Amino acid sequence: CYEAEINLVIHAYGGKIFLDLMDDG
């Protein structure tokens, strides 16, 4: 998550992160 978030900050024009916890864990 940290590596991907940093990539959004450095390399992209902004973006979103979506988190889902599924009922199977």
mmCIF file of all heavy atoms, coordinates in Angstrom:
data_MODEL
# 
_entry.id   MODEL 
# 
loop_
_atom_site.group_PDB 
_atom_site.id 
_atom_site.type_symbol 
_atom_site.label_atom_id 
_atom_site.label_alt_id 
_atom_site.label_comp_id 
_atom_site.label_asym_id 
_atom_site.label_entity_id 
_atom_site.label_seq_id 
_atom_site.pdbx_PDB_ins_code 
_atom_site.Cartn_x 
_atom_site.Cartn_y 
_atom_site.Cartn_z 
_atom_site.occupancy 
_atom_site.B_iso_or_equiv 
_atom_site.pdbx_formal_charge 
_atom_site.auth_seq_id 
_atom_site.auth_comp_id 
_atom_site.auth_asym_id 
_atom_site.auth_atom_id 
_atom_site.pdbx_PDB_model_num 
ATOM 1   N N   . CYS A 1 1  ? 0.832   -1.205  0.000   1.00 0.00 ? 1  CYS A N   1 
ATOM 2   C CA  . CYS A 1 1  ? 0.000   0.000   0.000   1.00 0.00 ? 1  CYS A CA  1 
ATOM 3   C C   . CYS A 1 1  ? 0.865   1.254   0.000   1.00 0.00 ? 1  CYS A C   1 
ATOM 4   O O   . CYS A 1 1  ? 0.614   2.196   -0.754  1.00 0.00 ? 1  CYS A O   1 
ATOM 5   C CB  . CYS A 1 1  ? -0.933  -0.036  1.208   1.00 0.00 ? 1  CYS A CB  1 
ATOM 6   S SG  . CYS A 1 1  ? -2.255  1.181   1.125   1.00 0.00 ? 1  CYS A SG  1 
ATOM 7   N N   . TYR A 1 2  ? 1.896   1.274   0.822   1.00 0.00 ? 2  TYR A N   1 
ATOM 8   C CA  . TYR A 1 2  ? 2.780   2.432   0.883   1.00 0.00 ? 2  TYR A CA  1 
ATOM 9   C C   . TYR A 1 2  ? 3.471   2.652   -0.466  1.00 0.00 ? 2  TYR A C   1 
ATOM 10  O O   . TYR A 1 2  ? 3.495   3.774   -0.987  1.00 0.00 ? 2  TYR A O   1 
ATOM 11  C CB  . TYR A 1 2  ? 3.819   2.260   1.996   1.00 0.00 ? 2  TYR A CB  1 
ATOM 12  C CG  . TYR A 1 2  ? 4.789   3.414   2.070   1.00 0.00 ? 2  TYR A CG  1 
ATOM 13  C CD1 . TYR A 1 2  ? 4.418   4.609   2.682   1.00 0.00 ? 2  TYR A CD1 1 
ATOM 14  C CD2 . TYR A 1 2  ? 6.055   3.324   1.505   1.00 0.00 ? 2  TYR A CD2 1 
ATOM 15  C CE1 . TYR A 1 2  ? 5.303   5.682   2.730   1.00 0.00 ? 2  TYR A CE1 1 
ATOM 16  C CE2 . TYR A 1 2  ? 6.935   4.385   1.553   1.00 0.00 ? 2  TYR A CE2 1 
ATOM 17  C CZ  . TYR A 1 2  ? 6.555   5.564   2.162   1.00 0.00 ? 2  TYR A CZ  1 
ATOM 18  O OH  . TYR A 1 2  ? 7.425   6.622   2.210   1.00 0.00 ? 2  TYR A OH  1 
ATOM 19  N N   . GLU A 1 3  ? 4.036   1.599   -1.029  1.00 0.00 ? 3  GLU A N   1 
ATOM 20  C CA  . GLU A 1 3  ? 4.733   1.726   -2.317  1.00 0.00 ? 3  GLU A CA  1 
ATOM 21  C C   . GLU A 1 3  ? 3.790   2.242   -3.408  1.00 0.00 ? 3  GLU A C   1 
ATOM 22  O O   . GLU A 1 3  ? 4.161   3.123   -4.197  1.00 0.00 ? 3  GLU A O   1 
ATOM 23  C CB  . GLU A 1 3  ? 5.331   0.378   -2.742  1.00 0.00 ? 3  GLU A CB  1 
ATOM 24  C CG  . GLU A 1 3  ? 6.436   -0.140  -1.854  1.00 0.00 ? 3  GLU A CG  1 
ATOM 25  C CD  . GLU A 1 3  ? 7.793   0.490   -2.133  1.00 0.00 ? 3  GLU A CD  1 
ATOM 26  O OE1 . GLU A 1 3  ? 7.875   1.488   -2.876  1.00 0.00 ? 3  GLU A OE1 1 
ATOM 27  O OE2 . GLU A 1 3  ? 8.781   -0.026  -1.592  1.00 0.00 ? 3  GLU A OE2 1 
ATOM 28  N N   . ALA A 1 4  ? 2.577   1.708   -3.454  1.00 0.00 ? 4  ALA A N   1 
ATOM 29  C CA  . ALA A 1 4  ? 1.627   2.124   -4.485  1.00 0.00 ? 4  ALA A CA  1 
ATOM 30  C C   . ALA A 1 4  ? 1.149   3.558   -4.242  1.00 0.00 ? 4  ALA A C   1 
ATOM 31  O O   . ALA A 1 4  ? 0.976   4.330   -5.197  1.00 0.00 ? 4  ALA A O   1 
ATOM 32  C CB  . ALA A 1 4  ? 0.446   1.159   -4.528  1.00 0.00 ? 4  ALA A CB  1 
ATOM 33  N N   . GLU A 1 5  ? 0.933   3.920   -2.984  1.00 0.00 ? 5  GLU A N   1 
ATOM 34  C CA  . GLU A 1 5  ? 0.527   5.296   -2.683  1.00 0.00 ? 5  GLU A CA  1 
ATOM 35  C C   . GLU A 1 5  ? 1.622   6.280   -3.103  1.00 0.00 ? 5  GLU A C   1 
ATOM 36  O O   . GLU A 1 5  ? 1.338   7.322   -3.709  1.00 0.00 ? 5  GLU A O   1 
ATOM 37  C CB  . GLU A 1 5  ? 0.227   5.443   -1.193  1.00 0.00 ? 5  GLU A CB  1 
ATOM 38  C CG  . GLU A 1 5  ? -0.200  6.850   -0.815  1.00 0.00 ? 5  GLU A CG  1 
ATOM 39  C CD  . GLU A 1 5  ? -0.510  7.024   0.661   1.00 0.00 ? 5  GLU A CD  1 
ATOM 40  O OE1 . GLU A 1 5  ? -0.461  6.043   1.437   1.00 0.00 ? 5  GLU A OE1 1 
ATOM 41  O OE2 . GLU A 1 5  ? -0.796  8.172   1.048   1.00 0.00 ? 5  GLU A OE2 1 
ATOM 42  N N   . ILE A 1 6  ? 2.869   5.960   -2.803  1.00 0.00 ? 6  ILE A N   1 
ATOM 43  C CA  . ILE A 1 6  ? 3.980   6.829   -3.187  1.00 0.00 ? 6  ILE A CA  1 
ATOM 44  C C   . ILE A 1 6  ? 4.043   6.955   -4.711  1.00 0.00 ? 6  ILE A C   1 
ATOM 45  O O   . ILE A 1 6  ? 4.292   8.051   -5.241  1.00 0.00 ? 6  ILE A O   1 
ATOM 46  C CB  . ILE A 1 6  ? 5.323   6.295   -2.614  1.00 0.00 ? 6  ILE A CB  1 
ATOM 47  C CG1 . ILE A 1 6  ? 5.307   6.355   -1.087  1.00 0.00 ? 6  ILE A CG1 1 
ATOM 48  C CG2 . ILE A 1 6  ? 6.507   7.060   -3.196  1.00 0.00 ? 6  ILE A CG2 1 
ATOM 49  C CD1 . ILE A 1 6  ? 5.061   7.728   -0.492  1.00 0.00 ? 6  ILE A CD1 1 
ATOM 50  N N   . ASN A 1 7  ? 3.795   5.862   -5.425  1.00 0.00 ? 7  ASN A N   1 
ATOM 51  C CA  . ASN A 1 7  ? 3.772   5.937   -6.885  1.00 0.00 ? 7  ASN A CA  1 
ATOM 52  C C   . ASN A 1 7  ? 2.696   6.898   -7.379  1.00 0.00 ? 7  ASN A C   1 
ATOM 53  O O   . ASN A 1 7  ? 2.915   7.630   -8.346  1.00 0.00 ? 7  ASN A O   1 
ATOM 54  C CB  . ASN A 1 7  ? 3.569   4.551   -7.498  1.00 0.00 ? 7  ASN A CB  1 
ATOM 55  C CG  . ASN A 1 7  ? 4.836   3.730   -7.498  1.00 0.00 ? 7  ASN A CG  1 
ATOM 56  O OD1 . ASN A 1 7  ? 5.923   4.228   -7.231  1.00 0.00 ? 7  ASN A OD1 1 
ATOM 57  N ND2 . ASN A 1 7  ? 4.700   2.447   -7.797  1.00 0.00 ? 7  ASN A ND2 1 
ATOM 58  N N   . LEU A 1 8  ? 1.528   6.917   -6.717  1.00 0.00 ? 8  LEU A N   1 
ATOM 59  C CA  . LEU A 1 8  ? 0.478   7.865   -7.099  1.00 0.00 ? 8  LEU A CA  1 
ATOM 60  C C   . LEU A 1 8  ? 0.949   9.306   -6.904  1.00 0.00 ? 8  LEU A C   1 
ATOM 61  O O   . LEU A 1 8  ? 0.695   10.171  -7.739  1.00 0.00 ? 8  LEU A O   1 
ATOM 62  C CB  . LEU A 1 8  ? -0.794  7.634   -6.281  1.00 0.00 ? 8  LEU A CB  1 
ATOM 63  C CG  . LEU A 1 8  ? -1.609  6.386   -6.572  1.00 0.00 ? 8  LEU A CG  1 
ATOM 64  C CD1 . LEU A 1 8  ? -2.781  6.282   -5.598  1.00 0.00 ? 8  LEU A CD1 1 
ATOM 65  C CD2 . LEU A 1 8  ? -2.112  6.370   -7.997  1.00 0.00 ? 8  LEU A CD2 1 
ATOM 66  N N   . VAL A 1 9  ? 1.636   9.555   -5.809  1.00 0.00 ? 9  VAL A N   1 
ATOM 67  C CA  . VAL A 1 9  ? 2.115   10.908  -5.503  1.00 0.00 ? 9  VAL A CA  1 
ATOM 68  C C   . VAL A 1 9  ? 3.191   11.343  -6.502  1.00 0.00 ? 9  VAL A C   1 
ATOM 69  O O   . VAL A 1 9  ? 3.155   12.455  -7.029  1.00 0.00 ? 9  VAL A O   1 
ATOM 70  C CB  . VAL A 1 9  ? 2.662   10.987  -4.054  1.00 0.00 ? 9  VAL A CB  1 
ATOM 71  C CG1 . VAL A 1 9  ? 3.353   12.320  -3.792  1.00 0.00 ? 9  VAL A CG1 1 
ATOM 72  C CG2 . VAL A 1 9  ? 1.550   10.754  -3.044  1.00 0.00 ? 9  VAL A CG2 1 
ATOM 73  N N   . ILE A 1 10 ? 4.148   10.454  -6.767  1.00 0.00 ? 10 ILE A N   1 
ATOM 74  C CA  . ILE A 1 10 ? 5.306   10.806  -7.594  1.00 0.00 ? 10 ILE A CA  1 
ATOM 75  C C   . ILE A 1 10 ? 4.995   10.810  -9.089  1.00 0.00 ? 10 ILE A C   1 
ATOM 76  O O   . ILE A 1 10 ? 5.380   11.733  -9.808  1.00 0.00 ? 10 ILE A O   1 
ATOM 77  C CB  . ILE A 1 10 ? 6.467   9.822   -7.344  1.00 0.00 ? 10 ILE A CB  1 
ATOM 78  C CG1 . ILE A 1 10 ? 6.988   9.964   -5.919  1.00 0.00 ? 10 ILE A CG1 1 
ATOM 79  C CG2 . ILE A 1 10 ? 7.599   10.040  -8.341  1.00 0.00 ? 10 ILE A CG2 1 
ATOM 80  C CD1 . ILE A 1 10 ? 8.022   8.908   -5.547  1.00 0.00 ? 10 ILE A CD1 1 
ATOM 81  N N   . HIS A 1 11 ? 4.324   9.775   -9.563  1.00 0.00 ? 11 HIS A N   1 
ATOM 82  C CA  . HIS A 1 11 ? 4.249   9.538   -11.005 1.00 0.00 ? 11 HIS A CA  1 
ATOM 83  C C   . HIS A 1 11 ? 2.912   9.868   -11.662 1.00 0.00 ? 11 HIS A C   1 
ATOM 84  O O   . HIS A 1 11 ? 2.856   9.940   -12.888 1.00 0.00 ? 11 HIS A O   1 
ATOM 85  C CB  . HIS A 1 11 ? 4.574   8.068   -11.305 1.00 0.00 ? 11 HIS A CB  1 
ATOM 86  C CG  . HIS A 1 11 ? 5.930   7.645   -10.850 1.00 0.00 ? 11 HIS A CG  1 
ATOM 87  N ND1 . HIS A 1 11 ? 7.090   8.105   -11.426 1.00 0.00 ? 11 HIS A ND1 1 
ATOM 88  C CD2 . HIS A 1 11 ? 6.318   6.813   -9.861  1.00 0.00 ? 11 HIS A CD2 1 
ATOM 89  C CE1 . HIS A 1 11 ? 8.133   7.567   -10.814 1.00 0.00 ? 11 HIS A CE1 1 
ATOM 90  N NE2 . HIS A 1 11 ? 7.693   6.783   -9.865  1.00 0.00 ? 11 HIS A NE2 1 
ATOM 91  N N   . ALA A 1 12 ? 1.854   10.022  -10.894 1.00 0.00 ? 12 ALA A N   1 
ATOM 92  C CA  . ALA A 1 12 ? 0.522   10.178  -11.486 1.00 0.00 ? 12 ALA A CA  1 
ATOM 93  C C   . ALA A 1 12 ? -0.005  11.596  -11.302 1.00 0.00 ? 12 ALA A C   1 
ATOM 94  O O   . ALA A 1 12 ? 0.564   12.398  -10.571 1.00 0.00 ? 12 ALA A O   1 
ATOM 95  C CB  . ALA A 1 12 ? -0.447  9.181   -10.849 1.00 0.00 ? 12 ALA A CB  1 
ATOM 96  N N   . TYR A 1 13 ? -1.106  11.873  -11.952 1.00 0.00 ? 13 TYR A N   1 
ATOM 97  C CA  . TYR A 1 13 ? -1.787  13.160  -11.821 1.00 0.00 ? 13 TYR A CA  1 
ATOM 98  C C   . TYR A 1 13 ? -2.822  13.098  -10.702 1.00 0.00 ? 13 TYR A C   1 
ATOM 99  O O   . TYR A 1 13 ? -3.882  13.694  -10.784 1.00 0.00 ? 13 TYR A O   1 
ATOM 100 C CB  . TYR A 1 13 ? -2.480  13.542  -13.126 1.00 0.00 ? 13 TYR A CB  1 
ATOM 101 C CG  . TYR A 1 13 ? -1.569  13.579  -14.334 1.00 0.00 ? 13 TYR A CG  1 
ATOM 102 C CD1 . TYR A 1 13 ? -2.038  13.172  -15.573 1.00 0.00 ? 13 TYR A CD1 1 
ATOM 103 C CD2 . TYR A 1 13 ? -0.251  14.024  -14.244 1.00 0.00 ? 13 TYR A CD2 1 
ATOM 104 C CE1 . TYR A 1 13 ? -1.221  13.209  -16.696 1.00 0.00 ? 13 TYR A CE1 1 
ATOM 105 C CE2 . TYR A 1 13 ? 0.574   14.057  -15.363 1.00 0.00 ? 13 TYR A CE2 1 
ATOM 106 C CZ  . TYR A 1 13 ? 0.072   13.656  -16.579 1.00 0.00 ? 13 TYR A CZ  1 
ATOM 107 O OH  . TYR A 1 13 ? 0.890   13.690  -17.684 1.00 0.00 ? 13 TYR A OH  1 
ATOM 108 N N   . GLY A 1 14 ? -2.505  12.341  -9.674  1.00 0.00 ? 14 GLY A N   1 
ATOM 109 C CA  . GLY A 1 14 ? -3.454  12.118  -8.591  1.00 0.00 ? 14 GLY A CA  1 
ATOM 110 C C   . GLY A 1 14 ? -4.257  10.865  -8.862  1.00 0.00 ? 14 GLY A C   1 
ATOM 111 O O   . GLY A 1 14 ? -4.230  10.312  -9.956  1.00 0.00 ? 14 GLY A O   1 
ATOM 112 N N   . GLY A 1 15 ? -4.948  10.396  -7.820  1.00 0.00 ? 15 GLY A N   1 
ATOM 113 C CA  . GLY A 1 15 ? -5.728  9.183   -8.000  1.00 0.00 ? 15 GLY A CA  1 
ATOM 114 C C   . GLY A 1 15 ? -6.463  8.790   -6.743  1.00 0.00 ? 15 GLY A C   1 
ATOM 115 O O   . GLY A 1 15 ? -6.570  9.573   -5.799  1.00 0.00 ? 15 GLY A O   1 
ATOM 116 N N   . LYS A 1 16 ? -6.976  7.577   -6.750  1.00 0.00 ? 16 LYS A N   1 
ATOM 117 C CA  . LYS A 1 16 ? -7.746  7.063   -5.626  1.00 0.00 ? 16 LYS A CA  1 
ATOM 118 C C   . LYS A 1 16 ? -7.231  5.701   -5.208  1.00 0.00 ? 16 LYS A C   1 
ATOM 119 O O   . LYS A 1 16 ? -6.707  4.938   -6.019  1.00 0.00 ? 16 LYS A O   1 
ATOM 120 C CB  . LYS A 1 16 ? -9.223  6.936   -5.989  1.00 0.00 ? 16 LYS A CB  1 
ATOM 121 C CG  . LYS A 1 16 ? -9.927  8.260   -6.110  1.00 0.00 ? 16 LYS A CG  1 
ATOM 122 C CD  . LYS A 1 16 ? -11.426 8.078   -6.122  1.00 0.00 ? 16 LYS A CD  1 
ATOM 123 C CE  . LYS A 1 16 ? -12.068 9.448   -6.014  1.00 0.00 ? 16 LYS A CE  1 
ATOM 124 N NZ  . LYS A 1 16 ? -13.433 9.389   -5.580  1.00 0.00 ? 16 LYS A NZ  1 
ATOM 125 N N   . ILE A 1 17 ? -7.432  5.431   -3.919  1.00 0.00 ? 17 ILE A N   1 
ATOM 126 C CA  . ILE A 1 17 ? -7.154  4.111   -3.359  1.00 0.00 ? 17 ILE A CA  1 
ATOM 127 C C   . ILE A 1 17 ? -8.465  3.558   -2.833  1.00 0.00 ? 17 ILE A C   1 
ATOM 128 O O   . ILE A 1 17 ? -9.185  4.252   -2.108  1.00 0.00 ? 17 ILE A O   1 
ATOM 129 C CB  . ILE A 1 17 ? -6.116  4.186   -2.211  1.00 0.00 ? 17 ILE A CB  1 
ATOM 130 C CG1 . ILE A 1 17 ? -4.796  4.761   -2.721  1.00 0.00 ? 17 ILE A CG1 1 
ATOM 131 C CG2 . ILE A 1 17 ? -5.914  2.798   -1.597  1.00 0.00 ? 17 ILE A CG2 1 
ATOM 132 C CD1 . ILE A 1 17 ? -3.762  5.002   -1.628  1.00 0.00 ? 17 ILE A CD1 1 
ATOM 133 N N   . PHE A 1 18 ? -8.775  2.332   -3.206  1.00 0.00 ? 18 PHE A N   1 
ATOM 134 C CA  . PHE A 1 18 ? -9.989  1.654   -2.764  1.00 0.00 ? 18 PHE A CA  1 
ATOM 135 C C   . PHE A 1 18 ? -9.581  0.444   -1.933  1.00 0.00 ? 18 PHE A C   1 
ATOM 136 O O   . PHE A 1 18 ? -8.751  -0.353  -2.362  1.00 0.00 ? 18 PHE A O   1 
ATOM 137 C CB  . PHE A 1 18 ? -10.819 1.183   -3.956  1.00 0.00 ? 18 PHE A CB  1 
ATOM 138 C CG  . PHE A 1 18 ? -11.215 2.298   -4.886  1.00 0.00 ? 18 PHE A CG  1 
ATOM 139 C CD1 . PHE A 1 18 ? -10.413 2.633   -5.964  1.00 0.00 ? 18 PHE A CD1 1 
ATOM 140 C CD2 . PHE A 1 18 ? -12.376 3.016   -4.677  1.00 0.00 ? 18 PHE A CD2 1 
ATOM 141 C CE1 . PHE A 1 18 ? -10.766 3.662   -6.831  1.00 0.00 ? 18 PHE A CE1 1 
ATOM 142 C CE2 . PHE A 1 18 ? -12.746 4.037   -5.532  1.00 0.00 ? 18 PHE A CE2 1 
ATOM 143 C CZ  . PHE A 1 18 ? -11.937 4.366   -6.613  1.00 0.00 ? 18 PHE A CZ  1 
ATOM 144 N N   . LEU A 1 19 ? -10.154 0.338   -0.754  1.00 0.00 ? 19 LEU A N   1 
ATOM 145 C CA  . LEU A 1 19 ? -9.917  -0.791  0.148   1.00 0.00 ? 19 LEU A CA  1 
ATOM 146 C C   . LEU A 1 19 ? -11.211 -1.561  0.309   1.00 0.00 ? 19 LEU A C   1 
ATOM 147 O O   . LEU A 1 19 ? -12.258 -0.960  0.577   1.00 0.00 ? 19 LEU A O   1 
ATOM 148 C CB  . LEU A 1 19 ? -9.451  -0.282  1.518   1.00 0.00 ? 19 LEU A CB  1 
ATOM 149 C CG  . LEU A 1 19 ? -9.548  -1.265  2.692   1.00 0.00 ? 19 LEU A CG  1 
ATOM 150 C CD1 . LEU A 1 19 ? -8.547  -2.400  2.538   1.00 0.00 ? 19 LEU A CD1 1 
ATOM 151 C CD2 . LEU A 1 19 ? -9.348  -0.532  4.012   1.00 0.00 ? 19 LEU A CD2 1 
ATOM 152 N N   . ASP A 1 20 ? -11.142 -2.869  0.158   1.00 0.00 ? 20 ASP A N   1 
ATOM 153 C CA  . ASP A 1 20 ? -12.281 -3.740  0.446   1.00 0.00 ? 20 ASP A CA  1 
ATOM 154 C C   . ASP A 1 20 ? -11.802 -4.921  1.271   1.00 0.00 ? 20 ASP A C   1 
ATOM 155 O O   . ASP A 1 20 ? -10.826 -5.581  0.917   1.00 0.00 ? 20 ASP A O   1 
ATOM 156 C CB  . ASP A 1 20 ? -12.941 -4.254  -0.835  1.00 0.00 ? 20 ASP A CB  1 
ATOM 157 C CG  . ASP A 1 20 ? -13.812 -3.197  -1.476  1.00 0.00 ? 20 ASP A CG  1 
ATOM 158 O OD1 . ASP A 1 20 ? -14.913 -2.956  -0.944  1.00 0.00 ? 20 ASP A OD1 1 
ATOM 159 O OD2 . ASP A 1 20 ? -13.389 -2.598  -2.487  1.00 0.00 ? 20 ASP A OD2 1 
ATOM 160 N N   . LEU A 1 21 ? -12.499 -5.147  2.380   1.00 0.00 ? 21 LEU A N   1 
ATOM 161 C CA  . LEU A 1 21 ? -12.293 -6.351  3.182   1.00 0.00 ? 21 LEU A CA  1 
ATOM 162 C C   . LEU A 1 21 ? -13.460 -7.270  2.861   1.00 0.00 ? 21 LEU A C   1 
ATOM 163 O O   . LEU A 1 21 ? -14.617 -6.907  3.061   1.00 0.00 ? 21 LEU A O   1 
ATOM 164 C CB  . LEU A 1 21 ? -12.254 -6.020  4.674   1.00 0.00 ? 21 LEU A CB  1 
ATOM 165 C CG  . LEU A 1 21 ? -12.168 -7.221  5.623   1.00 0.00 ? 21 LEU A CG  1 
ATOM 166 C CD1 . LEU A 1 21 ? -10.906 -8.025  5.379   1.00 0.00 ? 21 LEU A CD1 1 
ATOM 167 C CD2 . LEU A 1 21 ? -12.241 -6.739  7.069   1.00 0.00 ? 21 LEU A CD2 1 
ATOM 168 N N   . MET A 1 22 ? -13.121 -8.434  2.344   1.00 0.00 ? 22 MET A N   1 
ATOM 169 C CA  . MET A 1 22 ? -14.156 -9.365  1.927   1.00 0.00 ? 22 MET A CA  1 
ATOM 170 C C   . MET A 1 22 ? -14.555 -10.268 3.094   1.00 0.00 ? 22 MET A C   1 
ATOM 171 O O   . MET A 1 22 ? -13.787 -10.453 4.043   1.00 0.00 ? 22 MET A O   1 
ATOM 172 C CB  . MET A 1 22 ? -13.652 -10.198 0.745   1.00 0.00 ? 22 MET A CB  1 
ATOM 173 C CG  . MET A 1 22 ? -13.059 -9.371  -0.386  1.00 0.00 ? 22 MET A CG  1 
ATOM 174 S SD  . MET A 1 22 ? -14.126 -8.038  -0.991  1.00 0.00 ? 22 MET A SD  1 
ATOM 175 C CE  . MET A 1 22 ? -15.299 -8.995  -1.930  1.00 0.00 ? 22 MET A CE  1 
ATOM 176 N N   . ASP A 1 23 ? -15.760 -10.840 3.017   1.00 0.00 ? 23 ASP A N   1 
ATOM 177 C CA  . ASP A 1 23 ? -16.257 -11.675 4.114   1.00 0.00 ? 23 ASP A CA  1 
ATOM 178 C C   . ASP A 1 23 ? -15.454 -12.969 4.295   1.00 0.00 ? 23 ASP A C   1 
ATOM 179 O O   . ASP A 1 23 ? -15.547 -13.609 5.338   1.00 0.00 ? 23 ASP A O   1 
ATOM 180 C CB  . ASP A 1 23 ? -17.756 -11.956 3.977   1.00 0.00 ? 23 ASP A CB  1 
ATOM 181 C CG  . ASP A 1 23 ? -18.133 -12.663 2.683   1.00 0.00 ? 23 ASP A CG  1 
ATOM 182 O OD1 . ASP A 1 23 ? -17.233 -13.068 1.908   1.00 0.00 ? 23 ASP A OD1 1 
ATOM 183 O OD2 . ASP A 1 23 ? -19.343 -12.797 2.437   1.00 0.00 ? 23 ASP A OD2 1 
ATOM 184 N N   . ASP A 1 24 ? -14.625 -13.325 3.323   1.00 0.00 ? 24 ASP A N   1 
ATOM 185 C CA  . ASP A 1 24 ? -13.762 -14.504 3.483   1.00 0.00 ? 24 ASP A CA  1 
ATOM 186 C C   . ASP A 1 24 ? -12.383 -14.139 4.049   1.00 0.00 ? 24 ASP A C   1 
ATOM 187 O O   . ASP A 1 24 ? -11.499 -14.988 4.144   1.00 0.00 ? 24 ASP A O   1 
ATOM 188 C CB  . ASP A 1 24 ? -13.613 -15.259 2.161   1.00 0.00 ? 24 ASP A CB  1 
ATOM 189 C CG  . ASP A 1 24 ? -12.848 -14.474 1.104   1.00 0.00 ? 24 ASP A CG  1 
ATOM 190 O OD1 . ASP A 1 24 ? -12.448 -13.309 1.354   1.00 0.00 ? 24 ASP A OD1 1 
ATOM 191 O OD2 . ASP A 1 24 ? -12.638 -15.028 0.004   1.00 0.00 ? 24 ASP A OD2 1 
ATOM 192 N N   . GLY A 1 25 ? -12.190 -12.854 4.418   1.00 0.00 ? 25 GLY A N   1 
ATOM 193 C CA  . GLY A 1 25 ? -10.934 -12.400 4.993   1.00 0.00 ? 25 GLY A CA  1 
ATOM 194 C C   . GLY A 1 25 ? -9.945  -11.844 3.992   1.00 0.00 ? 25 GLY A C   1 
ATOM 195 O O   . GLY A 1 25 ? -8.897  -11.339 4.379   1.00 0.00 ? 25 GLY A O   1 
# 
